[in-house]
Amino acid sequence: MTHTEKTAPPADYRLLLPEGWFRIPLDPEQRDRSVDALVERQFHGIDNAPHLKEELRADLRHRAAEAHRGGGIELYLSLQEAGPFTVPASLLVSLAPAPPRRTAAAGRSGAGVRPGRRPGRGDGGERRGTGGGYGRTGPQGDASTGAGEGGAGNASSGRVR
């Protein structure tokens, strides 16, 4: 799979996070709306800092776009507080590339096996679990802690669907 291929994110995984995390889907059709919702949430009631608000919005959009170009499908930002401090943390969910497939001919002839190695022992042809070649961690759909459709989610549940 190349970075230019459009691949739908898996829909059969869950990610459980504590309260206070905000989800930004990285799909270009959704991310700006979620970034806007996060910025509005963080600047709620603060009207005298429009330049800071726009700087944060631009920075988050840039970082979300970079994460998407790098293969990310969701970005989570911690908004948890410990006293007067925000706990800085982020989590990027991305698809793991499928391991290279070994052809039947390569398996019989030993082609593609490094010298001194037996097939299936770290040569790229071994089978690593199941699941269609994707590492799966994360929520499904738009429901999330902190941001869902349009960025407004149920932050108190701590559970992501």
C-alpha atoms as a PDB file:
ATOM      1  CA  MET A   1       0.000   0.000   0.000  1.00  0.00           C
ATOM      2  CA  THR A   2       1.348   3.417  -0.884  1.00  0.00           C
ATOM      3  CA  HIS A   3       0.605   6.698   0.834  1.00  0.00           C
ATOM      4  CA  THR A   4      -1.338   7.833  -2.229  1.00  0.00           C
ATOM      5  CA  GLU A   5      -3.841   4.963  -2.025  1.00  0.00           C
ATOM      6  CA  LYS A   6      -7.071   5.831  -0.246  1.00  0.00           C
ATOM      7  CA  THR A   7      -7.767   3.144   2.324  1.00  0.00           C
ATOM      8  CA  ALA A   8     -10.816   3.142   4.531  1.00  0.00           C
ATOM      9  CA  PRO A   9      -9.861   2.891   8.194  1.00  0.00           C
ATOM     10  CA  PRO A  10     -10.855  -0.338   9.887  1.00  0.00           C
ATOM     11  CA  ALA A  11     -14.233  -0.209  11.567  1.00  0.00           C
ATOM     12  CA  ASP A  12     -13.753  -3.106  13.975  1.00  0.00           C
ATOM     13  CA  TYR A  13     -11.500  -1.745  16.668  1.00  0.00           C
ATOM     14  CA  ARG A  14     -11.842   0.113  19.957  1.00  0.00           C
ATOM     15  CA  LEU A  15      -9.647   2.472  21.902  1.00  0.00           C
ATOM     16  CA  LEU A  16     -10.386   3.189  25.530  1.00  0.00           C
ATOM     17  CA  LEU A  17      -9.033   6.445  26.875  1.00  0.00           C
ATOM     18  CA  PRO A  18      -9.510   8.191  30.169  1.00  0.00           C
ATOM     19  CA  GLU A  19     -11.716  11.231  30.379  1.00  0.00           C
ATOM     20  CA  GLY A  20     -10.347  14.403  28.825  1.00  0.00           C
ATOM     21  CA  TRP A  21      -9.095  13.307  25.401  1.00  0.00           C
ATOM     22  CA  PHE A  22     -10.134  15.017  22.164  1.00  0.00           C
ATOM     23  CA  ARG A  23     -10.395  13.090  18.877  1.00  0.00           C
ATOM     24  CA  ILE A  24      -9.446  14.654  15.546  1.00  0.00           C
ATOM     25  CA  PRO A  25     -10.203  12.433  12.545  1.00  0.00           C
ATOM     26  CA  LEU A  26      -7.421  13.059  10.038  1.00  0.00           C
ATOM     27  CA  ASP A  27      -9.462  12.560   6.894  1.00  0.00           C
ATOM     28  CA  PRO A  28      -9.299  15.938   5.085  1.00  0.00           C
ATOM     29  CA  GLU A  29     -13.106  16.086   4.877  1.00  0.00           C
ATOM     30  CA  GLN A  30     -13.452  15.955   8.671  1.00  0.00           C
ATOM     31  CA  ARG A  31     -10.306  17.301  10.294  1.00  0.00           C
ATOM     32  CA  ASP A  32     -10.858  21.068   9.879  1.00  0.00           C
ATOM     33  CA  ARG A  33     -14.281  20.830  11.518  1.00  0.00           C
ATOM     34  CA  SER A  34     -12.813  18.934  14.483  1.00  0.00           C
ATOM     35  CA  VAL A  35      -9.858  21.320  14.799  1.00  0.00           C
ATOM     36  CA  ASP A  36     -12.290  24.260  14.768  1.00  0.00           C
ATOM     37  CA  ALA A  37     -14.379  22.617  17.494  1.00  0.00           C
ATOM     38  CA  LEU A  38     -11.295  22.060  19.671  1.00  0.00           C
ATOM     39  CA  VAL A  39     -10.106  25.651  19.255  1.00  0.00           C
ATOM     40  CA  GLU A  40     -13.566  27.019  20.061  1.00  0.00           C
ATOM     41  CA  ARG A  41     -13.755  24.768  23.125  1.00  0.00           C
ATOM     42  CA  GLN A  42     -10.362  25.872  24.438  1.00  0.00           C
ATOM     43  CA  PHE A  43     -11.055  29.585  23.820  1.00  0.00           C
ATOM     44  CA  HIS A  44     -14.649  29.561  25.072  1.00  0.00           C
ATOM     45  CA  GLY A  45     -15.270  32.845  26.879  1.00  0.00           C
ATOM     46  CA  ILE A  46     -11.950  34.354  25.804  1.00  0.00           C
ATOM     47  CA  ASP A  47     -12.633  37.137  23.335  1.00  0.00           C
ATOM     48  CA  ASN A  48      -9.465  39.200  23.638  1.00  0.00           C
ATOM     49  CA  ALA A  49      -6.987  36.759  22.028  1.00  0.00           C
ATOM     50  CA  PRO A  50      -8.055  36.286  18.401  1.00  0.00           C
ATOM     51  CA  HIS A  51      -4.454  36.147  17.173  1.00  0.00           C
ATOM     52  CA  LEU A  52      -3.617  33.285  19.573  1.00  0.00           C
ATOM     53  CA  LYS A  53      -6.796  31.481  18.587  1.00  0.00           C
ATOM     54  CA  GLU A  54      -5.940  31.652  14.879  1.00  0.00           C
ATOM     55  CA  GLU A  55      -2.323  30.673  15.521  1.00  0.00           C
ATOM     56  CA  LEU A  56      -3.474  27.562  17.402  1.00  0.00           C
ATOM     57  CA  ARG A  57      -5.984  26.726  14.665  1.00  0.00           C
ATOM     58  CA  ALA A  58      -3.311  27.009  11.926  1.00  0.00           C
ATOM     59  CA  ASP A  59      -0.787  24.967  13.924  1.00  0.00           C
ATOM     60  CA  LEU A  60      -3.271  22.173  14.662  1.00  0.00           C
ATOM     61  CA  ARG A  61      -4.413  22.031  11.034  1.00  0.00           C
ATOM     62  CA  HIS A  62      -0.792  21.831   9.873  1.00  0.00           C
ATOM     63  CA  ARG A  63       0.077  19.064  12.349  1.00  0.00           C
ATOM     64  CA  ALA A  64      -3.079  17.099  11.513  1.00  0.00           C
ATOM     65  CA  ALA A  65      -2.323  17.325   7.777  1.00  0.00           C
ATOM     66  CA  GLU A  66       1.262  16.152   8.384  1.00  0.00           C
ATOM     67  CA  ALA A  67       0.012  13.222  10.478  1.00  0.00           C
ATOM     68  CA  HIS A  68      -2.417  12.262   7.694  1.00  0.00           C
ATOM     69  CA  ARG A  69       0.344  12.395   5.075  1.00  0.00           C
ATOM     70  CA  GLY A  70       2.364  10.089   7.314  1.00  0.00           C
ATOM     71  CA  GLY A  71      -0.415   7.486   7.325  1.00  0.00           C
ATOM     72  CA  GLY A  72      -2.366   8.605  10.405  1.00  0.00           C
ATOM     73  CA  ILE A  73      -6.122   8.156  10.539  1.00  0.00           C
ATOM     74  CA  GLU A  74      -6.919   9.690  13.951  1.00  0.00           C
ATOM     75  CA  LEU A  75      -5.162  12.037  16.347  1.00  0.00           C
ATOM     76  CA  TYR A  76      -6.041  12.297  20.023  1.00  0.00           C
ATOM     77  CA  LEU A  77      -4.967  15.188  22.218  1.00  0.00           C
ATOM     78  CA  SER A  78      -5.080  15.135  25.996  1.00  0.00           C
ATOM     79  CA  LEU A  79      -6.989  17.967  27.630  1.00  0.00           C
ATOM     80  CA  GLN A  80      -6.625  16.432  31.089  1.00  0.00           C
ATOM     81  CA  GLU A  81      -5.679  18.768  33.879  1.00  0.00           C
ATOM     82  CA  ALA A  82      -3.626  18.197  36.985  1.00  0.00           C
ATOM     83  CA  GLY A  83      -4.272  21.222  39.166  1.00  0.00           C
ATOM     84  CA  PRO A  84      -3.570  24.334  37.088  1.00  0.00           C
ATOM     85  CA  PHE A  85      -1.633  22.378  34.428  1.00  0.00           C
ATOM     86  CA  THR A  86      -2.781  20.601  31.291  1.00  0.00           C
ATOM     87  CA  VAL A  87      -1.231  17.154  30.906  1.00  0.00           C
ATOM     88  CA  PRO A  88       0.568  17.247  27.534  1.00  0.00           C
ATOM     89  CA  ALA A  89       0.020  14.042  25.581  1.00  0.00           C
ATOM     90  CA  SER A  90      -1.049  12.928  22.140  1.00  0.00           C
ATOM     91  CA  LEU A  91      -1.866   9.650  20.460  1.00  0.00           C
ATOM     92  CA  LEU A  92      -1.701   9.000  16.725  1.00  0.00           C
ATOM     93  CA  VAL A  93      -3.612   6.051  15.287  1.00  0.00           C
ATOM     94  CA  SER A  94      -2.311   4.774  11.956  1.00  0.00           C
ATOM     95  CA  LEU A  95      -2.580   1.695   9.788  1.00  0.00           C
ATOM     96  CA  ALA A  96       0.365  -0.664   9.871  1.00  0.00           C
ATOM     97  CA  PRO A  97       1.457  -1.811   6.416  1.00  0.00           C
ATOM     98  CA  ALA A  98       0.689  -5.393   5.475  1.00  0.00           C
ATOM     99  CA  PRO A  99       3.727  -7.674   5.691  1.00  0.00           C
ATOM    100  CA  PRO A 100       5.163  -8.698   2.312  1.00  0.00           C
ATOM    101  CA  ARG A 101       3.500 -11.781   0.891  1.00  0.00           C
ATOM    102  CA  ARG A 102       5.538 -14.810  -0.082  1.00  0.00           C
ATOM    103  CA  THR A 103       4.559 -16.524  -3.306  1.00  0.00           C
ATOM    104  CA  ALA A 104       4.159 -20.289  -3.502  1.00  0.00           C
ATOM    105  CA  ALA A 105       7.159 -20.500  -5.851  1.00  0.00           C
ATOM    106  CA  ALA A 106       9.315 -18.513  -3.446  1.00  0.00           C
ATOM    107  CA  GLY A 107       8.287 -20.801  -0.596  1.00  0.00           C
ATOM    108  CA  ARG A 108       9.327 -23.945  -2.494  1.00  0.00           C
ATOM    109  CA  SER A 109      12.562 -22.639  -3.972  1.00  0.00           C
ATOM    110  CA  GLY A 110      13.742 -20.597  -1.035  1.00  0.00           C
ATOM    111  CA  ALA A 111      13.724 -17.426  -3.157  1.00  0.00           C
ATOM    112  CA  GLY A 112      13.490 -14.320  -1.042  1.00  0.00           C
ATOM    113  CA  VAL A 113      15.070 -15.994   1.967  1.00  0.00           C
ATOM    114  CA  ARG A 114      18.267 -14.461   3.270  1.00  0.00           C
ATOM    115  CA  PRO A 115      21.295 -16.783   3.316  1.00  0.00           C
ATOM    116  CA  GLY A 116      21.506 -18.742   6.541  1.00  0.00           C
ATOM    117  CA  ARG A 117      17.800 -18.195   7.343  1.00  0.00           C
ATOM    118  CA  ARG A 118      14.941 -20.645   7.140  1.00  0.00           C
ATOM    119  CA  PRO A 119      11.620 -19.506   5.664  1.00  0.00           C
ATOM    120  CA  GLY A 120       9.264 -18.225   8.346  1.00  0.00           C
ATOM    121  CA  ARG A 121      12.047 -17.164  10.708  1.00  0.00           C
ATOM    122  CA  GLY A 122      12.195 -13.385  10.345  1.00  0.00           C
ATOM    123  CA  ASP A 123      12.662 -13.326   6.567  1.00  0.00           C
ATOM    124  CA  GLY A 124       9.546 -11.264   5.921  1.00  0.00           C
ATOM    125  CA  GLY A 125       7.521 -14.338   4.994  1.00  0.00           C
ATOM    126  CA  GLU A 126       6.450 -15.285   8.483  1.00  0.00           C
ATOM    127  CA  ARG A 127       2.849 -14.974   9.499  1.00  0.00           C
ATOM    128  CA  ARG A 128       2.239 -12.374  12.188  1.00  0.00           C
ATOM    129  CA  GLY A 129      -1.155 -12.833  13.744  1.00  0.00           C
ATOM    130  CA  THR A 130      -4.419 -12.250  11.922  1.00  0.00           C
ATOM    131  CA  GLY A 131      -6.475  -9.259  10.973  1.00  0.00           C
ATOM    132  CA  GLY A 132      -5.851  -8.677   7.299  1.00  0.00           C
ATOM    133  CA  GLY A 133      -2.476  -7.000   7.718  1.00  0.00           C
ATOM    134  CA  TYR A 134      -3.588  -4.009   9.753  1.00  0.00           C
ATOM    135  CA  GLY A 135      -2.626  -3.174  13.308  1.00  0.00           C
ATOM    136  CA  ARG A 136      -5.869  -2.148  14.967  1.00  0.00           C
ATOM    137  CA  THR A 137      -6.128   0.128  17.919  1.00  0.00           C
ATOM    138  CA  GLY A 138      -8.640   2.900  18.157  1.00  0.00           C
ATOM    139  CA  PRO A 139     -12.311   3.785  18.068  1.00  0.00           C
ATOM    140  CA  GLN A 140     -14.858   3.213  15.407  1.00  0.00           C
ATOM    141  CA  GLY A 141     -16.935   5.819  13.616  1.00  0.00           C
ATOM    142  CA  ASP A 142     -17.482   9.315  14.902  1.00  0.00           C
ATOM    143  CA  ALA A 143     -18.246   8.527  18.546  1.00  0.00           C
ATOM    144  CA  SER A 144     -15.354   9.367  20.811  1.00  0.00           C
ATOM    145  CA  THR A 145     -14.270  10.924  24.046  1.00  0.00           C
ATOM    146  CA  GLY A 146     -13.852  14.605  23.491  1.00  0.00           C
ATOM    147  CA  ALA A 147     -14.767  14.915  19.840  1.00  0.00           C
ATOM    148  CA  GLY A 148     -17.234  13.227  17.609  1.00  0.00           C
ATOM    149  CA  GLU A 149     -19.278  14.562  14.769  1.00  0.00           C
ATOM    150  CA  GLY A 150     -18.146  18.153  14.534  1.00  0.00           C
ATOM    151  CA  GLY A 151     -15.869  17.748  17.511  1.00  0.00           C
ATOM    152  CA  ALA A 152     -18.461  17.619  20.298  1.00  0.00           C
ATOM    153  CA  GLY A 153     -18.426  14.257  22.001  1.00  0.00           C
ATOM    154  CA  ASN A 154     -19.129  12.725  25.350  1.00  0.00           C
ATOM    155  CA  ALA A 155     -15.942  13.374  27.268  1.00  0.00           C
ATOM    156  CA  SER A 156     -17.339  11.977  30.511  1.00  0.00           C
ATOM    157  CA  SER A 157     -17.776   8.378  29.369  1.00  0.00           C
ATOM    158  CA  GLY A 158     -14.087   7.632  28.879  1.00  0.00           C
ATOM    159  CA  ARG A 159     -15.180   4.962  26.393  1.00  0.00           C
ATOM    160  CA  VAL A 160     -14.870   5.169  22.676  1.00  0.00           C
ATOM    161  CA  ARG A 161     -17.055   3.245  20.282  1.00  0.00           C
END
